Amino acid sequence: MDIQKWRARLYYQSKKRGILENDIIFGGFASEVLHCLSPEQLSEYDKIINGDTNEWDLFYYVTGRKEAPREIAETSVFPIIKKYISEK
């Protein structure tokens, strides 16, 4: 897939989550940070937001209310998401 189309798809999917809280978090993250991510990080981000993780669990992981599973926590993009949230 063309990287610009991939970013556009992820941008759209980031703004259309299952819960408003994630719409705000991931939509803002996509607006401000998505263009800076490498293809590897885009792939990790894609797996995080489009994986099997429940939307509320995903919210709790990125806000630090629950410990994220290794497959999410050990990605290079997860700390970037958490840093983005902590700065807002």
PDB file of N, CA and C in Angstrom:
ATOM      1  N   MET A   1       0.846  -1.183   0.000  1.00  0.00           N
ATOM      2  CA  MET A   1       0.000   0.000   0.000  1.00  0.00           C
ATOM      3  C   MET A   1       0.891   1.246   0.000  1.00  0.00           C
ATOM      4  N   ASP A   2       0.485   2.233  -0.743  1.00  0.00           N
ATOM      5  CA  ASP A   2       1.168   3.530  -0.768  1.00  0.00           C
ATOM      6  C   ASP A   2       1.149   4.124   0.646  1.00  0.00           C
ATOM      7  N   ILE A   3       2.295   4.633   1.095  1.00  0.00           N
ATOM      8  CA  ILE A   3       2.411   5.115   2.478  1.00  0.00           C
ATOM      9  C   ILE A   3       1.473   6.285   2.771  1.00  0.00           C
ATOM     10  N   GLN A   4       1.241   7.153   1.793  1.00  0.00           N
ATOM     11  CA  GLN A   4       0.320   8.280   2.014  1.00  0.00           C
ATOM     12  C   GLN A   4      -1.118   7.782   2.173  1.00  0.00           C
ATOM     13  N   LYS A   5      -1.494   6.784   1.392  1.00  0.00           N
ATOM     14  CA  LYS A   5      -2.836   6.198   1.534  1.00  0.00           C
ATOM     15  C   LYS A   5      -2.964   5.483   2.872  1.00  0.00           C
ATOM     16  N   TRP A   6      -1.894   4.827   3.269  1.00  0.00           N
ATOM     17  CA  TRP A   6      -1.878   4.133   4.554  1.00  0.00           C
ATOM     18  C   TRP A   6      -2.060   5.134   5.689  1.00  0.00           C
ATOM     19  N   ARG A   7      -1.307   6.219   5.642  1.00  0.00           N
ATOM     20  CA  ARG A   7      -1.452   7.264   6.664  1.00  0.00           C
ATOM     21  C   ARG A   7      -2.870   7.841   6.656  1.00  0.00           C
ATOM     22  N   ALA A   8      -3.422   8.065   5.477  1.00  0.00           N
ATOM     23  CA  ALA A   8      -4.780   8.608   5.369  1.00  0.00           C
ATOM     24  C   ALA A   8      -5.796   7.646   5.980  1.00  0.00           C
ATOM     25  N   ARG A   9      -5.626   6.344   5.724  1.00  0.00           N
ATOM     26  CA  ARG A   9      -6.540   5.346   6.300  1.00  0.00           C
ATOM     27  C   ARG A   9      -6.417   5.338   7.814  1.00  0.00           C
ATOM     28  N   LEU A  10      -5.185   5.339   8.323  1.00  0.00           N
ATOM     29  CA  LEU A  10      -4.980   5.343   9.768  1.00  0.00           C
ATOM     30  C   LEU A  10      -5.506   6.624  10.408  1.00  0.00           C
ATOM     31  N   TYR A  11      -5.340   7.739   9.726  1.00  0.00           N
ATOM     32  CA  TYR A  11      -5.860   9.017  10.221  1.00  0.00           C
ATOM     33  C   TYR A  11      -7.380   8.925  10.383  1.00  0.00           C
ATOM     34  N   TYR A  12      -8.057   8.432   9.362  1.00  0.00           N
ATOM     35  CA  TYR A  12      -9.518   8.283   9.413  1.00  0.00           C
ATOM     36  C   TYR A  12      -9.912   7.329  10.541  1.00  0.00           C
ATOM     37  N   GLN A  13      -9.249   6.181  10.617  1.00  0.00           N
ATOM     38  CA  GLN A  13      -9.590   5.191  11.638  1.00  0.00           C
ATOM     39  C   GLN A  13      -9.294   5.700  13.045  1.00  0.00           C
ATOM     40  N   SER A  14      -8.325   6.576  13.168  1.00  0.00           N
ATOM     41  CA  SER A  14      -7.994   7.150  14.473  1.00  0.00           C
ATOM     42  C   SER A  14      -9.094   8.073  14.971  1.00  0.00           C
ATOM     43  N   LYS A  15      -9.783   8.720  14.068  1.00  0.00           N
ATOM     44  CA  LYS A  15     -10.845   9.659  14.434  1.00  0.00           C
ATOM     45  C   LYS A  15     -12.201   8.980  14.601  1.00  0.00           C
ATOM     46  N   LYS A  16     -12.325   7.736  14.164  1.00  0.00           N
ATOM     47  CA  LYS A  16     -13.600   7.012  14.206  1.00  0.00           C
ATOM     48  C   LYS A  16     -13.467   5.751  15.048  1.00  0.00           C
ATOM     49  N   ARG A  17     -13.182   5.926  16.324  1.00  0.00           N
ATOM     50  CA  ARG A  17     -13.036   4.805  17.244  1.00  0.00           C
ATOM     51  C   ARG A  17     -14.406   4.414  17.780  1.00  0.00           C
ATOM     52  N   GLY A  18     -14.448   3.468  18.680  1.00  0.00           N
ATOM     53  CA  GLY A  18     -15.722   3.021  19.234  1.00  0.00           C
ATOM     54  C   GLY A  18     -16.233   3.871  20.380  1.00  0.00           C
ATOM     55  N   ILE A  19     -15.350   4.659  20.986  1.00  0.00           N
ATOM     56  CA  ILE A  19     -15.745   5.517  22.105  1.00  0.00           C
ATOM     57  C   ILE A  19     -15.155   6.913  21.901  1.00  0.00           C
ATOM     58  N   LEU A  20     -15.864   7.905  22.385  1.00  0.00           N
ATOM     59  CA  LEU A  20     -15.464   9.298  22.190  1.00  0.00           C
ATOM     60  C   LEU A  20     -14.065   9.584  22.738  1.00  0.00           C
ATOM     61  N   GLU A  21     -13.742   9.007  23.891  1.00  0.00           N
ATOM     62  CA  GLU A  21     -12.436   9.246  24.502  1.00  0.00           C
ATOM     63  C   GLU A  21     -11.306   8.851  23.553  1.00  0.00           C
ATOM     64  N   ASN A  22     -11.463   7.708  22.901  1.00  0.00           N
ATOM     65  CA  ASN A  22     -10.431   7.260  21.962  1.00  0.00           C
ATOM     66  C   ASN A  22     -10.461   8.067  20.672  1.00  0.00           C
ATOM     67  N   ASP A  23     -11.639   8.533  20.263  1.00  0.00           N
ATOM     68  CA  ASP A  23     -11.710   9.440  19.103  1.00  0.00           C
ATOM     69  C   ASP A  23     -10.823  10.659  19.350  1.00  0.00           C
ATOM     70  N   ILE A  24     -10.934  11.212  20.544  1.00  0.00           N
ATOM     71  CA  ILE A  24     -10.182  12.420  20.893  1.00  0.00           C
ATOM     72  C   ILE A  24      -8.687  12.121  21.000  1.00  0.00           C
ATOM     73  N   ILE A  25      -8.338  11.066  21.731  1.00  0.00           N
ATOM     74  CA  ILE A  25      -6.923  10.729  21.934  1.00  0.00           C
ATOM     75  C   ILE A  25      -6.251  10.364  20.616  1.00  0.00           C
ATOM     76  N   PHE A  26      -6.796   9.367  19.932  1.00  0.00           N
ATOM     77  CA  PHE A  26      -6.132   8.865  18.727  1.00  0.00           C
ATOM     78  C   PHE A  26      -6.308   9.804  17.540  1.00  0.00           C
ATOM     79  N   GLY A  27      -7.417  10.523  17.500  1.00  0.00           N
ATOM     80  CA  GLY A  27      -7.598  11.513  16.444  1.00  0.00           C
ATOM     81  C   GLY A  27      -6.585  12.639  16.558  1.00  0.00           C
ATOM     82  N   GLY A  28      -6.381  13.123  17.779  1.00  0.00           N
ATOM     83  CA  GLY A  28      -5.379  14.167  18.008  1.00  0.00           C
ATOM     84  C   GLY A  28      -3.972  13.667  17.737  1.00  0.00           C
ATOM     85  N   PHE A  29      -3.690  12.453  18.203  1.00  0.00           N
ATOM     86  CA  PHE A  29      -2.375  11.853  17.955  1.00  0.00           C
ATOM     87  C   PHE A  29      -2.120  11.742  16.458  1.00  0.00           C
ATOM     88  N   ALA A  30      -3.102  11.254  15.725  1.00  0.00           N
ATOM     89  CA  ALA A  30      -2.945  11.093  14.274  1.00  0.00           C
ATOM     90  C   ALA A  30      -2.716  12.440  13.600  1.00  0.00           C
ATOM     91  N   SER A  31      -3.449  13.452  14.026  1.00  0.00           N
ATOM     92  CA  SER A  31      -3.303  14.783  13.431  1.00  0.00           C
ATOM     93  C   SER A  31      -1.907  15.355  13.637  1.00  0.00           C
ATOM     94  N   GLU A  32      -1.352  15.126  14.817  1.00  0.00           N
ATOM     95  CA  GLU A  32      -0.086  15.760  15.168  1.00  0.00           C
ATOM     96  C   GLU A  32       1.158  14.908  14.937  1.00  0.00           C
ATOM     97  N   VAL A  33       1.023  13.588  14.979  1.00  0.00           N
ATOM     98  CA  VAL A  33       2.213  12.740  15.013  1.00  0.00           C
ATOM     99  C   VAL A  33       2.308  11.746  13.852  1.00  0.00           C
ATOM    100  N   LEU A  34       1.194  11.346  13.289  1.00  0.00           N
ATOM    101  CA  LEU A  34       1.188  10.268  12.288  1.00  0.00           C
ATOM    102  C   LEU A  34       2.152  10.518  11.137  1.00  0.00           C
ATOM    103  N   HIS A  35       2.269  11.757  10.707  1.00  0.00           N
ATOM    104  CA  HIS A  35       3.146  12.075   9.571  1.00  0.00           C
ATOM    105  C   HIS A  35       4.628  11.857   9.883  1.00  0.00           C
ATOM    106  N   CYS A  36       4.975  11.770  11.166  1.00  0.00           N
ATOM    107  CA  CYS A  36       6.375  11.587  11.573  1.00  0.00           C
ATOM    108  C   CYS A  36       6.763  10.116  11.757  1.00  0.00           C
ATOM    109  N   LEU A  37       5.792   9.221  11.754  1.00  0.00           N
ATOM    110  CA  LEU A  37       6.082   7.820  12.045  1.00  0.00           C
ATOM    111  C   LEU A  37       6.694   7.101  10.851  1.00  0.00           C
ATOM    112  N   SER A  38       7.613   6.205  11.160  1.00  0.00           N
ATOM    113  CA  SER A  38       8.244   5.368  10.134  1.00  0.00           C
ATOM    114  C   SER A  38       7.254   4.289   9.689  1.00  0.00           C
ATOM    115  N   PRO A  39       7.510   3.629   8.577  1.00  0.00           N
ATOM    116  CA  PRO A  39       6.632   2.525   8.161  1.00  0.00           C
ATOM    117  C   PRO A  39       6.493   1.442   9.234  1.00  0.00           C
ATOM    118  N   GLU A  40       7.577   1.132   9.932  1.00  0.00           N
ATOM    119  CA  GLU A  40       7.507   0.135  11.010  1.00  0.00           C
ATOM    120  C   GLU A  40       6.578   0.619  12.125  1.00  0.00           C
ATOM    121  N   GLN A  41       6.695   1.886  12.489  1.00  0.00           N
ATOM    122  CA  GLN A  41       5.837   2.444  13.535  1.00  0.00           C
ATOM    123  C   GLN A  41       4.387   2.523  13.070  1.00  0.00           C
ATOM    124  N   LEU A  42       4.171   2.829  11.806  1.00  0.00           N
ATOM    125  CA  LEU A  42       2.808   2.834  11.269  1.00  0.00           C
ATOM    126  C   LEU A  42       2.192   1.447  11.382  1.00  0.00           C
ATOM    127  N   SER A  43       2.973   0.425  11.095  1.00  0.00           N
ATOM    128  CA  SER A  43       2.498  -0.951  11.202  1.00  0.00           C
ATOM    129  C   SER A  43       2.128  -1.285  12.645  1.00  0.00           C
ATOM    130  N   GLU A  44       2.963  -0.875  13.586  1.00  0.00           N
ATOM    131  CA  GLU A  44       2.668  -1.104  15.004  1.00  0.00           C
ATOM    132  C   GLU A  44       1.403  -0.358  15.416  1.00  0.00           C
ATOM    133  N   TYR A  45       1.296   0.888  15.003  1.00  0.00           N
ATOM    134  CA  TYR A  45       0.122   1.701  15.327  1.00  0.00           C
ATOM    135  C   TYR A  45      -1.141   1.072  14.742  1.00  0.00           C
ATOM    136  N   ASP A  46      -1.054   0.604  13.510  1.00  0.00           N
ATOM    137  CA  ASP A  46      -2.169  -0.071  12.842  1.00  0.00           C
ATOM    138  C   ASP A  46      -2.624  -1.270  13.669  1.00  0.00           C
ATOM    139  N   LYS A  47      -1.677  -2.071  14.141  1.00  0.00           N
ATOM    140  CA  LYS A  47      -2.013  -3.253  14.945  1.00  0.00           C
ATOM    141  C   LYS A  47      -2.633  -2.858  16.282  1.00  0.00           C
ATOM    142  N   ILE A  48      -2.162  -1.763  16.860  1.00  0.00           N
ATOM    143  CA  ILE A  48      -2.712  -1.315  18.144  1.00  0.00           C
ATOM    144  C   ILE A  48      -4.158  -0.867  17.979  1.00  0.00           C
ATOM    145  N   ILE A  49      -4.423   0.010  17.021  1.00  0.00           N
ATOM    146  CA  ILE A  49      -5.783   0.558  16.922  1.00  0.00           C
ATOM    147  C   ILE A  49      -6.759  -0.359  16.196  1.00  0.00           C
ATOM    148  N   ASN A  50      -6.258  -1.275  15.386  1.00  0.00           N
ATOM    149  CA  ASN A  50      -7.150  -2.149  14.620  1.00  0.00           C
ATOM    150  C   ASN A  50      -7.077  -3.609  15.046  1.00  0.00           C
ATOM    151  N   GLY A  51      -6.406  -3.864  16.158  1.00  0.00           N
ATOM    152  CA  GLY A  51      -6.295  -5.229  16.666  1.00  0.00           C
ATOM    153  C   GLY A  51      -7.557  -5.655  17.395  1.00  0.00           C
ATOM    154  N   ASP A  52      -7.429  -6.712  18.158  1.00  0.00           N
ATOM    155  CA  ASP A  52      -8.574  -7.281  18.874  1.00  0.00           C
ATOM    156  C   ASP A  52      -8.829  -6.642  20.232  1.00  0.00           C
ATOM    157  N   THR A  53      -8.065  -5.628  20.578  1.00  0.00           N
ATOM    158  CA  THR A  53      -8.190  -5.006  21.893  1.00  0.00           C
ATOM    159  C   THR A  53      -9.493  -4.229  22.012  1.00  0.00           C
ATOM    160  N   ASN A  54     -10.204  -4.476  23.093  1.00  0.00           N
ATOM    161  CA  ASN A  54     -11.427  -3.748  23.416  1.00  0.00           C
ATOM    162  C   ASN A  54     -11.107  -2.257  23.522  1.00  0.00           C
ATOM    163  N   GLU A  55     -12.011  -1.414  23.042  1.00  0.00           N
ATOM    164  CA  GLU A  55     -11.763   0.039  23.042  1.00  0.00           C
ATOM    165  C   GLU A  55     -11.526   0.592  24.445  1.00  0.00           C
ATOM    166  N   TRP A  56     -12.273   0.122  25.442  1.00  0.00           N
ATOM    167  CA  TRP A  56     -12.053   0.622  26.798  1.00  0.00           C
ATOM    168  C   TRP A  56     -10.705   0.172  27.335  1.00  0.00           C
ATOM    169  N   ASP A  57     -10.324  -1.081  27.054  1.00  0.00           N
ATOM    170  CA  ASP A  57      -9.003  -1.539  27.486  1.00  0.00           C
ATOM    171  C   ASP A  57      -7.909  -0.707  26.828  1.00  0.00           C
ATOM    172  N   LEU A  58      -8.070  -0.433  25.553  1.00  0.00           N
ATOM    173  CA  LEU A  58      -7.094   0.393  24.842  1.00  0.00           C
ATOM    174  C   LEU A  58      -6.978   1.769  25.505  1.00  0.00           C
ATOM    175  N   PHE A  59      -8.109   2.354  25.865  1.00  0.00           N
ATOM    176  CA  PHE A  59      -8.115   3.638  26.569  1.00  0.00           C
ATOM    177  C   PHE A  59      -7.353   3.525  27.891  1.00  0.00           C
ATOM    178  N   TYR A  60      -7.633   2.467  28.658  1.00  0.00           N
ATOM    179  CA  TYR A  60      -6.960   2.280  29.943  1.00  0.00           C
ATOM    180  C   TYR A  60      -5.458   2.062  29.768  1.00  0.00           C
ATOM    181  N   TYR A  61      -5.051   1.369  28.724  1.00  0.00           N
ATOM    182  CA  TYR A  61      -3.621   1.139  28.477  1.00  0.00           C
ATOM    183  C   TYR A  61      -2.895   2.446  28.175  1.00  0.00           C
ATOM    184  N   VAL A  62      -3.441   3.226  27.273  1.00  0.00           N
ATOM    185  CA  VAL A  62      -2.725   4.445  26.860  1.00  0.00           C
ATOM    186  C   VAL A  62      -2.762   5.533  27.930  1.00  0.00           C
ATOM    187  N   THR A  63      -3.751   5.476  28.811  1.00  0.00           N
ATOM    188  CA  THR A  63      -3.815   6.460  29.895  1.00  0.00           C
ATOM    189  C   THR A  63      -3.133   5.966  31.165  1.00  0.00           C
ATOM    190  N   GLY A  64      -2.627   4.731  31.140  1.00  0.00           N
ATOM    191  CA  GLY A  64      -1.904   4.190  32.281  1.00  0.00           C
ATOM    192  C   GLY A  64      -2.771   3.651  33.393  1.00  0.00           C
ATOM    193  N   ARG A  65      -4.054   3.496  33.157  1.00  0.00           N
ATOM    194  CA  ARG A  65      -4.944   2.973  34.196  1.00  0.00           C
ATOM    195  C   ARG A  65      -4.858   1.455  34.320  1.00  0.00           C
ATOM    196  N   LYS A  66      -4.397   0.814  33.263  1.00  0.00           N
ATOM    197  CA  LYS A  66      -4.138  -0.623  33.263  1.00  0.00           C
ATOM    198  C   LYS A  66      -2.797  -0.842  32.583  1.00  0.00           C
ATOM    199  N   GLU A  67      -2.123  -1.898  32.995  1.00  0.00           N
ATOM    200  CA  GLU A  67      -0.864  -2.241  32.340  1.00  0.00           C
ATOM    201  C   GLU A  67      -1.172  -2.869  30.983  1.00  0.00           C
ATOM    202  N   ALA A  68      -0.511  -2.362  29.965  1.00  0.00           N
ATOM    203  CA  ALA A  68      -0.723  -2.870  28.607  1.00  0.00           C
ATOM    204  C   ALA A  68      -0.047  -4.226  28.444  1.00  0.00           C
ATOM    205  N   PRO A  69      -0.646  -5.100  27.644  1.00  0.00           N
ATOM    206  CA  PRO A  69       0.013  -6.378  27.356  1.00  0.00           C
ATOM    207  C   PRO A  69       1.325  -6.150  26.603  1.00  0.00           C
ATOM    208  N   ARG A  70       2.217  -7.111  26.692  1.00  0.00           N
ATOM    209  CA  ARG A  70       3.549  -6.975  26.082  1.00  0.00           C
ATOM    210  C   ARG A  70       3.493  -6.623  24.611  1.00  0.00           C
ATOM    211  N   GLU A  71       2.587  -7.246  23.859  1.00  0.00           N
ATOM    212  CA  GLU A  71       2.545  -6.999  22.410  1.00  0.00           C
ATOM    213  C   GLU A  71       2.220  -5.546  22.075  1.00  0.00           C
ATOM    214  N   ILE A  72       1.638  -4.824  23.004  1.00  0.00           N
ATOM    215  CA  ILE A  72       1.388  -3.391  22.820  1.00  0.00           C
ATOM    216  C   ILE A  72       2.496  -2.575  23.488  1.00  0.00           C
ATOM    217  N   ALA A  73       2.782  -2.896  24.739  1.00  0.00           N
ATOM    218  CA  ALA A  73       3.743  -2.115  25.529  1.00  0.00           C
ATOM    219  C   ALA A  73       5.150  -2.119  24.941  1.00  0.00           C
ATOM    220  N   GLU A  74       5.533  -3.190  24.276  1.00  0.00           N
ATOM    221  CA  GLU A  74       6.900  -3.295  23.762  1.00  0.00           C
ATOM    222  C   GLU A  74       7.075  -2.753  22.347  1.00  0.00           C
ATOM    223  N   THR A  75       6.046  -2.151  21.790  1.00  0.00           N
ATOM    224  CA  THR A  75       6.195  -1.528  20.471  1.00  0.00           C
ATOM    225  C   THR A  75       6.930  -0.198  20.632  1.00  0.00           C
ATOM    226  N   SER A  76       7.519   0.266  19.560  1.00  0.00           N
ATOM    227  CA  SER A  76       8.220   1.556  19.626  1.00  0.00           C
ATOM    228  C   SER A  76       7.249   2.730  19.603  1.00  0.00           C
ATOM    229  N   VAL A  77       6.020   2.501  19.161  1.00  0.00           N
ATOM    230  CA  VAL A  77       5.054   3.594  19.039  1.00  0.00           C
ATOM    231  C   VAL A  77       4.248   3.815  20.333  1.00  0.00           C
ATOM    232  N   PHE A  78       4.124   2.794  21.176  1.00  0.00           N
ATOM    233  CA  PHE A  78       3.327   2.933  22.398  1.00  0.00           C
ATOM    234  C   PHE A  78       3.846   4.052  23.309  1.00  0.00           C
ATOM    235  N   PRO A  79       5.157   4.138  23.572  1.00  0.00           N
ATOM    236  CA  PRO A  79       5.642   5.266  24.397  1.00  0.00           C
ATOM    237  C   PRO A  79       5.400   6.628  23.745  1.00  0.00           C
ATOM    238  N   ILE A  80       5.381   6.667  22.430  1.00  0.00           N
ATOM    239  CA  ILE A  80       5.110   7.929  21.726  1.00  0.00           C
ATOM    240  C   ILE A  80       3.665   8.353  21.974  1.00  0.00           C
ATOM    241  N   ILE A  81       2.754   7.389  21.935  1.00  0.00           N
ATOM    242  CA  ILE A  81       1.338   7.675  22.217  1.00  0.00           C
ATOM    243  C   ILE A  81       1.194   8.165  23.654  1.00  0.00           C
ATOM    244  N   LYS A  82       1.813   7.454  24.599  1.00  0.00           N
ATOM    245  CA  LYS A  82       1.708   7.837  26.007  1.00  0.00           C
ATOM    246  C   LYS A  82       2.309   9.219  26.259  1.00  0.00           C
ATOM    247  N   LYS A  83       3.427   9.514  25.607  1.00  0.00           N
ATOM    248  CA  LYS A  83       4.052  10.839  25.757  1.00  0.00           C
ATOM    249  C   LYS A  83       3.121  11.918  25.212  1.00  0.00           C
ATOM    250  N   TYR A  84       2.510  11.662  24.062  1.00  0.00           N
ATOM    251  CA  TYR A  84       1.563  12.612  23.475  1.00  0.00           C
ATOM    252  C   TYR A  84       0.443  12.909  24.477  1.00  0.00           C
ATOM    253  N   ILE A  85      -0.103  11.866  25.089  1.00  0.00           N
ATOM    254  CA  ILE A  85      -1.200  12.041  26.047  1.00  0.00           C
ATOM    255  C   ILE A  85      -0.730  12.828  27.268  1.00  0.00           C
ATOM    256  N   SER A  86       0.450  12.520  27.772  1.00  0.00           N
ATOM    257  CA  SER A  86       0.939  13.198  28.983  1.00  0.00           C
ATOM    258  C   SER A  86       1.203  14.683  28.750  1.00  0.00           C
ATOM    259  N   GLU A  87       1.437  15.058  27.503  1.00  0.00           N
ATOM    260  CA  GLU A  87       1.701  16.468  27.185  1.00  0.00           C
ATOM    261  C   GLU A  87       0.433  17.257  26.896  1.00  0.00           C
ATOM    262  N   LYS A  88      -0.701  16.605  26.872  1.00  0.00           N
ATOM    263  CA  LYS A  88      -1.966  17.299  26.576  1.00  0.00           C
ATOM    264  C   LYS A  88      -2.720  17.641  27.822  1.00  0.00           C
TER     265      LYS A  88
END
